[in-house]
Amino acid sequence: MRTKNSTKLKIISILCFLIAAIISIATKEYASSLLFIGMTISYSLIFLSQKKN
C-alpha cells in the first residue's frame, strides 16, 4: 500500500512539473519553462530507474 501511494505521489509531482512548464511557456517565461522541463525529465528518469530496481 505504501509503495502504491508513493508511486501515485511521484506521478502527480511529475505532472505538476509538466503543468508548470506549460504555464511558463504560455506566459512566455522561457527560462523558467526550460527549468521545469529539465526538472520533469530528470525526476521521471530517477523515477523510472528506481522502479526498475
Protein backbone atom coordinates (compact mmCIF):
# COMPACT_ATOMS: atom_id res chain seq x y z
CA MET A 1 0.00 0.00 0.00
CA ARG A 2 2.78 2.39 0.89
CA THR A 3 4.65 1.87 -2.39
CA LYS A 4 1.41 2.37 -4.30
CA ASN A 5 0.83 5.74 -2.61
CA SER A 6 4.46 6.70 -3.16
CA THR A 7 4.15 5.90 -6.86
CA LYS A 8 0.99 7.99 -7.13
CA LEU A 9 2.67 10.94 -5.43
CA LYS A 10 5.67 10.74 -7.75
CA ILE A 11 3.43 10.68 -10.83
CA ILE A 12 1.44 13.64 -9.50
CA SER A 13 4.62 15.62 -8.89
CA ILE A 14 5.85 14.88 -12.44
CA LEU A 15 2.50 16.10 -13.79
CA CYS A 16 2.77 19.26 -11.68
CA PHE A 17 6.20 19.97 -13.18
CA LEU A 18 4.72 19.50 -16.66
CA ILE A 19 1.80 21.82 -15.92
CA ALA A 20 4.19 24.45 -14.56
CA ALA A 21 6.29 24.16 -17.74
CA ILE A 22 3.22 24.57 -19.96
CA ILE A 23 2.08 27.62 -17.99
CA SER A 24 5.57 29.11 -18.22
CA ILE A 25 5.62 28.61 -21.99
CA ALA A 26 2.16 30.17 -22.28
CA THR A 27 3.28 33.26 -20.36
CA LYS A 28 6.48 33.41 -22.45
CA GLU A 29 8.80 32.83 -19.49
CA TYR A 30 11.11 30.57 -21.41
CA ALA A 31 13.90 30.37 -18.82
CA SER A 32 11.61 29.00 -16.13
CA SER A 33 9.90 26.69 -18.62
CA LEU A 34 13.26 25.16 -19.52
CA LEU A 35 13.94 24.71 -15.82
CA PHE A 36 10.62 22.94 -15.27
CA ILE A 37 11.11 20.75 -18.35
CA GLY A 38 14.57 19.81 -17.11
CA MET A 39 13.19 19.00 -13.68
CA THR A 40 10.44 16.89 -15.23
CA ILE A 41 12.88 14.90 -17.34
CA SER A 42 15.34 14.33 -14.52
CA TYR A 43 12.65 13.40 -12.00
CA SER A 44 10.98 10.99 -14.40
CA LEU A 45 14.33 9.35 -15.21
CA ILE A 46 15.03 8.92 -11.50
CA PHE A 47 11.53 7.51 -11.03
CA LEU A 48 11.96 5.03 -13.88
CA SER A 49 15.38 3.86 -12.69
CA GLN A 50 14.05 3.31 -9.16
CA LYS A 51 11.05 1.42 -10.50
CA LYS A 52 13.28 -0.99 -12.45
CA ASN A 53 15.23 -1.92 -9.30
